[in-house]
N, C-alpha and C. Protein backbone atom coordinates (compact mmCIF):
# COMPACT_ATOMS: atom_id res chain seq x y z
N THR A 1 93.30 145.50 93.64
CA THR A 1 92.83 145.31 92.28
C THR A 1 92.61 143.82 92.03
N SER A 2 91.88 143.52 91.00
CA SER A 2 91.65 142.12 90.62
C SER A 2 92.97 141.43 90.28
N ARG A 3 93.86 142.16 89.66
CA ARG A 3 95.15 141.57 89.29
C ARG A 3 95.94 141.16 90.54
N LEU A 4 95.95 142.02 91.53
CA LEU A 4 96.66 141.69 92.77
C LEU A 4 96.00 140.51 93.47
N LEU A 5 94.67 140.53 93.55
CA LEU A 5 93.95 139.42 94.18
C LEU A 5 94.25 138.10 93.48
N ASN A 6 94.22 138.12 92.16
CA ASN A 6 94.45 136.89 91.40
C ASN A 6 95.90 136.43 91.48
N SER A 7 96.85 137.36 91.47
CA SER A 7 98.25 136.95 91.58
C SER A 7 98.54 136.40 92.98
N TYR A 8 97.91 136.96 93.99
CA TYR A 8 98.07 136.43 95.35
C TYR A 8 97.48 135.02 95.41
N GLY A 9 96.33 134.84 94.82
CA GLY A 9 95.69 133.52 94.81
C GLY A 9 96.45 132.51 93.98
N LEU A 10 97.09 132.94 92.90
CA LEU A 10 97.84 132.03 92.04
C LEU A 10 98.98 131.37 92.80
N VAL A 11 99.58 132.10 93.72
CA VAL A 11 100.62 131.52 94.57
C VAL A 11 100.05 130.33 95.33
N ASP A 12 98.86 130.48 95.87
CA ASP A 12 98.23 129.39 96.62
C ASP A 12 97.85 128.23 95.71
N PHE A 13 97.48 128.54 94.47
CA PHE A 13 97.16 127.49 93.50
C PHE A 13 98.38 126.60 93.28
N THR A 14 99.51 127.21 92.96
CA THR A 14 100.72 126.43 92.68
C THR A 14 101.28 125.78 93.94
N PHE A 15 101.23 126.48 95.05
CA PHE A 15 101.70 125.92 96.32
C PHE A 15 100.90 124.67 96.68
N ASN A 16 99.60 124.77 96.57
CA ASN A 16 98.73 123.65 96.93
C ASN A 16 98.97 122.45 96.01
N LEU A 17 99.22 122.69 94.73
CA LEU A 17 99.53 121.58 93.82
C LEU A 17 100.79 120.85 94.29
N MET A 18 101.82 121.62 94.62
CA MET A 18 103.07 121.03 95.08
C MET A 18 102.84 120.22 96.36
N MET A 19 102.11 120.78 97.29
CA MET A 19 101.89 120.10 98.56
C MET A 19 100.99 118.87 98.40
N MET A 20 100.07 118.90 97.46
CA MET A 20 99.22 117.72 97.22
C MET A 20 100.08 116.55 96.76
N VAL A 21 101.08 116.81 95.92
CA VAL A 21 101.98 115.75 95.49
C VAL A 21 102.74 115.22 96.69
N ALA A 22 103.26 116.12 97.51
CA ALA A 22 104.05 115.70 98.67
C ALA A 22 103.21 114.89 99.65
N VAL A 23 101.97 115.27 99.84
CA VAL A 23 101.13 114.61 100.83
C VAL A 23 100.54 113.30 100.31
N THR A 24 100.12 113.28 99.05
CA THR A 24 99.41 112.09 98.56
C THR A 24 100.31 111.08 97.87
N TYR A 25 101.35 111.50 97.23
CA TYR A 25 102.16 110.58 96.43
C TYR A 25 103.40 110.10 97.15
N TYR A 26 103.84 110.82 98.19
CA TYR A 26 105.12 110.50 98.80
C TYR A 26 105.13 109.15 99.50
N ALA A 27 104.05 108.79 100.18
CA ALA A 27 104.00 107.49 100.84
C ALA A 27 104.12 106.37 99.82
N TYR A 28 103.42 106.52 98.70
CA TYR A 28 103.52 105.54 97.61
C TYR A 28 104.96 105.49 97.09
N PHE A 29 105.56 106.64 96.88
CA PHE A 29 106.93 106.69 96.37
C PHE A 29 107.88 105.97 97.31
N LEU A 30 107.76 106.23 98.60
CA LEU A 30 108.67 105.60 99.56
C LEU A 30 108.54 104.08 99.57
N THR A 31 107.31 103.58 99.55
CA THR A 31 107.13 102.13 99.67
C THR A 31 107.29 101.39 98.35
N ASP A 32 106.70 101.91 97.28
CA ASP A 32 106.67 101.16 96.03
C ASP A 32 107.81 101.48 95.08
N ILE A 33 108.38 102.66 95.20
CA ILE A 33 109.47 103.03 94.29
C ILE A 33 110.82 102.89 94.99
N SER A 34 110.94 103.48 96.19
CA SER A 34 112.20 103.39 96.93
C SER A 34 112.34 102.09 97.70
N LEU A 35 111.25 101.32 97.76
CA LEU A 35 111.22 100.01 98.41
C LEU A 35 111.60 100.06 99.89
N ILE A 36 111.09 101.09 100.55
CA ILE A 36 111.25 101.23 102.00
C ILE A 36 110.05 100.54 102.63
N SER A 37 110.26 99.85 103.72
CA SER A 37 109.15 99.13 104.36
C SER A 37 108.07 100.11 104.82
N ALA A 38 106.85 99.60 104.92
CA ALA A 38 105.72 100.44 105.34
C ALA A 38 105.95 101.00 106.73
N ALA A 39 106.53 100.21 107.63
CA ALA A 39 106.79 100.68 109.00
C ALA A 39 107.81 101.82 108.98
N THR A 40 108.85 101.68 108.17
CA THR A 40 109.86 102.74 108.08
C THR A 40 109.26 103.98 107.43
N MET A 41 108.44 103.78 106.40
CA MET A 41 107.77 104.92 105.75
C MET A 41 106.90 105.65 106.75
N GLY A 42 106.14 104.92 107.56
CA GLY A 42 105.31 105.55 108.58
C GLY A 42 106.13 106.33 109.59
N THR A 43 107.28 105.78 109.96
CA THR A 43 108.17 106.46 110.90
C THR A 43 108.73 107.74 110.28
N ILE A 44 109.15 107.65 109.02
CA ILE A 44 109.66 108.84 108.31
C ILE A 44 108.60 109.94 108.30
N LEU A 45 107.38 109.57 107.90
CA LEU A 45 106.32 110.59 107.81
C LEU A 45 105.93 111.12 109.17
N LEU A 46 105.92 110.28 110.19
CA LEU A 46 105.61 110.75 111.55
C LEU A 46 106.65 111.76 112.02
N ILE A 47 107.91 111.40 111.92
CA ILE A 47 108.98 112.30 112.36
C ILE A 47 108.96 113.59 111.53
N ALA A 48 108.77 113.44 110.22
CA ALA A 48 108.76 114.62 109.35
C ALA A 48 107.60 115.54 109.67
N ARG A 49 106.44 114.99 109.94
CA ARG A 49 105.28 115.84 110.24
C ARG A 49 105.41 116.51 111.61
N ILE A 50 106.02 115.82 112.54
CA ILE A 50 106.28 116.45 113.84
C ILE A 50 107.27 117.60 113.65
N GLY A 51 108.34 117.34 112.87
CA GLY A 51 109.30 118.40 112.57
C GLY A 51 108.65 119.57 111.86
N ASP A 52 107.75 119.27 110.93
CA ASP A 52 107.02 120.31 110.21
C ASP A 52 106.16 121.12 111.17
N MET A 53 105.46 120.44 112.07
CA MET A 53 104.60 121.11 113.04
C MET A 53 105.41 122.04 113.95
N ILE A 54 106.55 121.57 114.40
CA ILE A 54 107.39 122.37 115.28
C ILE A 54 108.00 123.56 114.52
N SER A 55 108.30 123.35 113.24
CA SER A 55 108.97 124.41 112.48
C SER A 55 108.06 125.57 112.11
N VAL A 56 106.75 125.36 112.09
CA VAL A 56 105.84 126.45 111.69
C VAL A 56 105.99 127.67 112.61
N PRO A 57 105.84 127.53 113.93
CA PRO A 57 106.00 128.73 114.77
C PRO A 57 107.45 129.23 114.80
N ILE A 58 108.41 128.32 114.67
CA ILE A 58 109.81 128.75 114.69
C ILE A 58 110.12 129.58 113.45
N THR A 59 109.67 129.11 112.28
CA THR A 59 109.92 129.89 111.06
C THR A 59 109.17 131.21 111.09
N ALA A 60 107.98 131.22 111.67
CA ALA A 60 107.25 132.50 111.80
C ALA A 60 108.04 133.46 112.68
N GLY A 61 108.61 132.97 113.77
CA GLY A 61 109.43 133.82 114.64
C GLY A 61 110.67 134.32 113.93
N ILE A 62 111.30 133.46 113.13
CA ILE A 62 112.48 133.89 112.37
C ILE A 62 112.10 135.01 111.41
N ILE A 63 110.99 134.83 110.72
CA ILE A 63 110.54 135.85 109.76
C ILE A 63 110.24 137.16 110.48
N GLN A 64 109.55 137.09 111.62
CA GLN A 64 109.18 138.30 112.35
C GLN A 64 110.38 139.03 112.93
N ASN A 65 111.44 138.31 113.25
CA ASN A 65 112.58 138.92 113.92
C ASN A 65 113.79 139.15 113.02
N THR A 66 113.61 139.00 111.72
CA THR A 66 114.71 139.17 110.79
C THR A 66 114.36 140.23 109.76
N GLN A 67 115.28 141.13 109.55
CA GLN A 67 115.14 142.14 108.49
C GLN A 67 116.23 141.90 107.46
N LEU A 68 115.84 141.41 106.30
CA LEU A 68 116.80 141.19 105.23
C LEU A 68 116.67 142.32 104.20
N LYS A 69 117.59 142.37 103.27
CA LYS A 69 117.67 143.55 102.39
C LYS A 69 116.48 143.72 101.45
N TRP A 70 115.73 142.66 101.15
CA TRP A 70 114.60 142.80 100.23
C TRP A 70 113.28 142.99 100.96
N GLY A 71 113.34 143.17 102.26
CA GLY A 71 112.12 143.35 103.05
C GLY A 71 111.89 142.17 103.96
N GLN A 72 111.13 142.40 104.98
CA GLN A 72 110.91 141.40 106.01
C GLN A 72 110.26 140.13 105.47
N PHE A 73 109.27 140.26 104.61
CA PHE A 73 108.54 139.10 104.10
C PHE A 73 109.01 138.70 102.71
N ARG A 74 109.20 139.68 101.85
CA ARG A 74 109.57 139.40 100.47
C ARG A 74 110.90 138.64 100.38
N SER A 75 111.83 138.93 101.26
CA SER A 75 113.12 138.24 101.23
C SER A 75 112.94 136.73 101.34
N TRP A 76 112.07 136.29 102.25
CA TRP A 76 111.84 134.85 102.43
C TRP A 76 111.11 134.27 101.24
N ILE A 77 110.25 135.05 100.62
CA ILE A 77 109.53 134.59 99.42
C ILE A 77 110.52 134.41 98.27
N LEU A 78 111.61 135.16 98.27
CA LEU A 78 112.63 135.02 97.23
C LEU A 78 113.68 133.96 97.56
N ILE A 79 114.03 133.82 98.82
CA ILE A 79 115.11 132.91 99.23
C ILE A 79 114.64 131.46 99.34
N ALA A 80 113.50 131.23 99.95
CA ALA A 80 113.07 129.87 100.28
C ALA A 80 112.68 129.00 99.08
N PRO A 81 112.02 129.51 98.04
CA PRO A 81 111.60 128.61 96.96
C PRO A 81 112.72 127.84 96.25
N PRO A 82 113.88 128.42 95.97
CA PRO A 82 114.92 127.58 95.36
C PRO A 82 115.37 126.43 96.27
N VAL A 83 115.45 126.70 97.58
CA VAL A 83 115.81 125.65 98.53
C VAL A 83 114.71 124.58 98.55
N THR A 84 113.48 125.03 98.59
CA THR A 84 112.34 124.11 98.56
C THR A 84 112.38 123.25 97.31
N CYS A 85 112.61 123.87 96.18
CA CYS A 85 112.67 123.14 94.90
C CYS A 85 113.75 122.06 94.95
N LEU A 86 114.93 122.41 95.39
CA LEU A 86 116.02 121.46 95.47
C LEU A 86 115.66 120.26 96.34
N PHE A 87 115.11 120.52 97.51
CA PHE A 87 114.82 119.42 98.42
C PHE A 87 113.57 118.63 98.04
N PHE A 88 112.62 119.25 97.33
CA PHE A 88 111.50 118.48 96.81
C PHE A 88 111.98 117.54 95.70
N ILE A 89 112.91 117.99 94.89
CA ILE A 89 113.49 117.10 93.88
C ILE A 89 114.23 115.95 94.56
N LEU A 90 115.03 116.26 95.57
CA LEU A 90 115.78 115.22 96.27
C LEU A 90 114.85 114.24 96.99
N MET A 91 113.69 114.73 97.46
CA MET A 91 112.71 113.86 98.12
C MET A 91 112.26 112.73 97.21
N PHE A 92 112.21 113.01 95.92
CA PHE A 92 111.70 112.04 94.96
C PHE A 92 112.82 111.38 94.17
N THR A 93 114.01 111.30 94.77
CA THR A 93 115.09 110.52 94.16
C THR A 93 115.09 109.15 94.80
N ASN A 94 115.72 108.24 94.16
CA ASN A 94 115.81 106.89 94.71
C ASN A 94 117.28 106.49 94.72
N PRO A 95 118.05 107.05 95.67
CA PRO A 95 119.49 106.78 95.67
C PRO A 95 119.79 105.31 95.99
N ASN A 96 120.89 104.88 95.49
CA ASN A 96 121.31 103.50 95.69
C ASN A 96 122.06 103.37 97.01
N PHE A 97 121.34 103.60 98.12
CA PHE A 97 121.90 103.50 99.45
C PHE A 97 121.34 102.25 100.12
N ASP A 98 121.97 101.86 101.23
CA ASP A 98 121.37 100.79 102.02
C ASP A 98 120.05 101.33 102.58
N PRO A 99 119.11 100.44 102.97
CA PRO A 99 117.77 100.89 103.38
C PRO A 99 117.76 101.93 104.50
N PHE A 100 118.60 101.77 105.51
CA PHE A 100 118.61 102.73 106.62
C PHE A 100 119.08 104.11 106.14
N THR A 101 120.18 104.14 105.40
CA THR A 101 120.73 105.41 104.91
C THR A 101 119.74 106.08 103.96
N LYS A 102 119.10 105.28 103.11
CA LYS A 102 118.10 105.83 102.19
C LYS A 102 116.94 106.46 102.96
N ALA A 103 116.47 105.77 104.00
CA ALA A 103 115.36 106.28 104.81
C ALA A 103 115.75 107.58 105.50
N VAL A 104 116.95 107.64 106.06
CA VAL A 104 117.42 108.87 106.72
C VAL A 104 117.55 109.99 105.69
N PHE A 105 118.13 109.69 104.54
CA PHE A 105 118.30 110.71 103.49
C PHE A 105 116.96 111.27 103.03
N LEU A 106 116.02 110.37 102.68
CA LEU A 106 114.73 110.84 102.17
C LEU A 106 113.92 111.55 103.25
N GLY A 107 114.01 111.08 104.48
CA GLY A 107 113.32 111.76 105.59
C GLY A 107 113.90 113.13 105.86
N THR A 108 115.22 113.24 105.80
CA THR A 108 115.88 114.54 106.00
C THR A 108 115.50 115.52 104.89
N CYS A 109 115.48 115.03 103.66
CA CYS A 109 115.07 115.90 102.54
C CYS A 109 113.65 116.40 102.73
N TYR A 110 112.77 115.51 103.21
CA TYR A 110 111.37 115.87 103.47
C TYR A 110 111.29 116.97 104.53
N VAL A 111 112.01 116.81 105.62
CA VAL A 111 111.98 117.79 106.70
C VAL A 111 112.53 119.14 106.23
N ILE A 112 113.68 119.13 105.57
CA ILE A 112 114.27 120.39 105.10
C ILE A 112 113.35 121.06 104.08
N ALA A 113 112.77 120.29 103.17
CA ALA A 113 111.83 120.85 102.19
C ALA A 113 110.67 121.54 102.88
N HIS A 114 110.14 120.91 103.92
CA HIS A 114 108.99 121.49 104.59
C HIS A 114 109.35 122.67 105.49
N ILE A 115 110.51 122.68 106.05
CA ILE A 115 110.96 123.87 106.79
C ILE A 115 111.09 125.04 105.82
N SER A 116 111.66 124.79 104.67
CA SER A 116 111.80 125.83 103.66
C SER A 116 110.43 126.31 103.17
N VAL A 117 109.51 125.36 102.96
CA VAL A 117 108.14 125.72 102.58
C VAL A 117 107.52 126.61 103.64
N ASN A 118 107.74 126.28 104.91
CA ASN A 118 107.15 127.08 105.99
C ASN A 118 107.69 128.50 106.00
N LEU A 119 108.96 128.66 105.68
CA LEU A 119 109.51 130.02 105.60
C LEU A 119 108.81 130.82 104.51
N ALA A 120 108.69 130.24 103.33
CA ALA A 120 108.05 130.95 102.22
C ALA A 120 106.56 131.17 102.47
N TYR A 121 105.88 130.14 102.94
CA TYR A 121 104.43 130.25 103.10
C TYR A 121 104.04 131.18 104.24
N ASN A 122 104.77 131.13 105.35
CA ASN A 122 104.49 132.08 106.43
C ASN A 122 104.71 133.52 105.97
N ALA A 123 105.75 133.73 105.17
CA ALA A 123 105.98 135.08 104.64
C ALA A 123 104.84 135.48 103.70
N HIS A 124 104.39 134.55 102.88
CA HIS A 124 103.28 134.80 101.96
C HIS A 124 102.01 135.17 102.75
N LEU A 125 101.72 134.41 103.79
CA LEU A 125 100.53 134.71 104.60
C LEU A 125 100.65 136.06 105.30
N SER A 126 101.85 136.41 105.70
CA SER A 126 102.07 137.69 106.38
C SER A 126 101.82 138.88 105.45
N MET A 127 101.90 138.64 104.17
CA MET A 127 101.68 139.73 103.21
C MET A 127 100.22 140.21 103.19
N ILE A 128 99.29 139.39 103.69
CA ILE A 128 97.89 139.81 103.71
C ILE A 128 97.74 141.13 104.47
N GLY A 129 98.41 141.25 105.60
CA GLY A 129 98.32 142.47 106.40
C GLY A 129 98.95 143.68 105.73
N ILE A 130 99.89 143.45 104.84
CA ILE A 130 100.54 144.56 104.13
C ILE A 130 99.77 144.92 102.87
N LEU A 131 99.35 143.92 102.12
CA LEU A 131 98.64 144.17 100.86
C LEU A 131 97.23 144.71 101.10
N GLY A 132 96.56 144.17 102.12
CA GLY A 132 95.20 144.62 102.44
C GLY A 132 95.24 145.73 103.46
N LYS A 133 94.84 146.90 103.05
CA LYS A 133 94.89 148.06 103.96
C LYS A 133 93.67 148.13 104.88
N THR A 134 92.57 147.53 104.46
CA THR A 134 91.35 147.56 105.26
C THR A 134 90.94 146.12 105.58
N PRO A 135 90.07 145.94 106.57
CA PRO A 135 89.59 144.58 106.86
C PRO A 135 88.92 143.93 105.64
N LEU A 136 88.20 144.71 104.84
CA LEU A 136 87.55 144.17 103.65
C LEU A 136 88.58 143.67 102.63
N GLU A 137 89.65 144.44 102.44
CA GLU A 137 90.70 144.03 101.49
C GLU A 137 91.40 142.76 101.99
N ARG A 138 91.65 142.67 103.27
CA ARG A 138 92.27 141.47 103.83
C ARG A 138 91.34 140.26 103.69
N LEU A 139 90.05 140.49 103.88
CA LEU A 139 89.06 139.44 103.69
C LEU A 139 89.05 138.97 102.23
N MET A 140 89.11 139.91 101.32
CA MET A 140 89.12 139.56 99.89
C MET A 140 90.36 138.74 99.53
N LEU A 141 91.52 139.10 100.07
CA LEU A 141 92.74 138.34 99.83
C LEU A 141 92.62 136.92 100.39
N SER A 142 92.07 136.82 101.59
CA SER A 142 91.89 135.50 102.21
C SER A 142 90.92 134.63 101.41
N GLN A 143 89.85 135.25 100.93
CA GLN A 143 88.88 134.50 100.13
C GLN A 143 89.50 134.02 98.83
N ARG A 144 90.26 134.88 98.17
CA ARG A 144 90.89 134.50 96.91
C ARG A 144 91.88 133.38 97.13
N LYS A 145 92.57 133.43 98.24
CA LYS A 145 93.52 132.37 98.61
C LYS A 145 92.80 131.02 98.68
N VAL A 146 91.67 130.97 99.36
CA VAL A 146 90.91 129.73 99.52
C VAL A 146 90.33 129.29 98.17
N GLN A 147 89.85 130.23 97.36
CA GLN A 147 89.29 129.89 96.06
C GLN A 147 90.35 129.21 95.18
N PHE A 148 91.55 129.77 95.16
CA PHE A 148 92.61 129.20 94.33
C PHE A 148 93.10 127.86 94.90
N GLN A 149 93.12 127.71 96.22
CA GLN A 149 93.48 126.41 96.80
C GLN A 149 92.47 125.34 96.41
N THR A 150 91.21 125.68 96.44
CA THR A 150 90.17 124.73 96.04
C THR A 150 90.30 124.37 94.57
N ALA A 151 90.55 125.37 93.73
CA ALA A 151 90.73 125.12 92.30
C ALA A 151 91.93 124.20 92.06
N SER A 152 92.99 124.39 92.83
CA SER A 152 94.17 123.54 92.64
C SER A 152 93.89 122.10 93.09
N SER A 153 93.08 121.93 94.11
CA SER A 153 92.72 120.58 94.55
C SER A 153 91.94 119.86 93.45
N ILE A 154 91.06 120.57 92.79
CA ILE A 154 90.30 120.00 91.67
C ILE A 154 91.24 119.68 90.51
N ALA A 155 92.13 120.63 90.19
CA ALA A 155 93.09 120.40 89.11
C ALA A 155 93.98 119.21 89.40
N PHE A 156 94.42 119.08 90.64
CA PHE A 156 95.27 117.95 91.03
C PHE A 156 94.52 116.63 90.85
N ALA A 157 93.28 116.59 91.31
CA ALA A 157 92.50 115.36 91.21
C ALA A 157 92.31 114.94 89.76
N LEU A 158 92.19 115.91 88.87
CA LEU A 158 91.97 115.60 87.46
C LEU A 158 93.25 115.27 86.70
N THR A 159 94.40 115.76 87.16
CA THR A 159 95.61 115.66 86.33
C THR A 159 96.74 114.83 86.90
N CYS A 160 96.78 114.57 88.19
CA CYS A 160 97.95 113.94 88.80
C CYS A 160 98.29 112.59 88.18
N MET A 161 97.41 111.64 88.29
CA MET A 161 97.74 110.30 87.79
C MET A 161 97.87 110.26 86.27
N PRO A 162 97.06 111.01 85.50
CA PRO A 162 97.34 111.03 84.06
C PRO A 162 98.74 111.58 83.73
N LEU A 163 99.20 112.58 84.49
CA LEU A 163 100.56 113.10 84.27
C LEU A 163 101.62 112.08 84.67
N VAL A 164 101.40 111.39 85.78
CA VAL A 164 102.34 110.35 86.20
C VAL A 164 102.43 109.28 85.12
N SER A 165 101.30 108.87 84.58
CA SER A 165 101.29 107.86 83.51
C SER A 165 101.96 108.39 82.25
N PHE A 166 101.67 109.63 81.89
CA PHE A 166 102.24 110.21 80.67
C PHE A 166 103.76 110.31 80.77
N PHE A 167 104.26 110.91 81.86
CA PHE A 167 105.70 111.09 81.99
C PHE A 167 106.42 109.78 82.28
N GLY A 168 105.73 108.84 82.92
CA GLY A 168 106.35 107.57 83.24
C GLY A 168 106.31 106.57 82.10
N LYS A 169 105.48 106.85 81.11
CA LYS A 169 105.32 105.95 79.96
C LYS A 169 105.10 104.50 80.46
N GLY A 170 104.19 104.35 81.42
CA GLY A 170 103.87 103.05 81.95
C GLY A 170 104.62 102.69 83.24
N ASP A 171 105.65 103.47 83.60
CA ASP A 171 106.42 103.21 84.80
C ASP A 171 106.06 104.31 85.81
N GLU A 172 105.19 103.97 86.79
CA GLU A 172 104.73 104.99 87.75
C GLU A 172 105.87 105.59 88.55
N GLY A 173 106.88 104.81 88.86
CA GLY A 173 108.03 105.34 89.59
C GLY A 173 108.75 106.41 88.82
N ARG A 174 108.95 106.18 87.54
CA ARG A 174 109.60 107.18 86.69
C ARG A 174 108.69 108.40 86.52
N GLY A 175 107.40 108.15 86.41
CA GLY A 175 106.44 109.24 86.24
C GLY A 175 106.41 110.15 87.44
């Protein structure tokens, strides 16, 4: 139904908004707000992205080989988002640690957040095969997913920095 297609796509809309912040604003946050050197920031992001890349097939294997009480895929969609939320919040904290400890802390939060994201997102993608009974229905779900991701990219481009300015009241770090 249209409702199912749109609700499936809405997940991708909100997910993509969250990931756009993590991908585009995090480097700025690390260097200009947390005052981590550019070289250390690059190292954090390199290690984190390698960890993220490695975790995608591992989390998919965990999802495929685990049966939890709310269902094989739905359980991860329910369990992972609170963990993701916690670690995305921690990613954007600026603890009063020495530079090395701060870099390790923020990098670890980034890696854990993305591993948790991979659990939820892989489970979400796996739902296409369950929700779509025919190849046409699966194609429609995939198309709606891309449509909502594109819409979220446009929404992000239009709203991100105005929201940072609004909430920061002139202080981009606070925003």
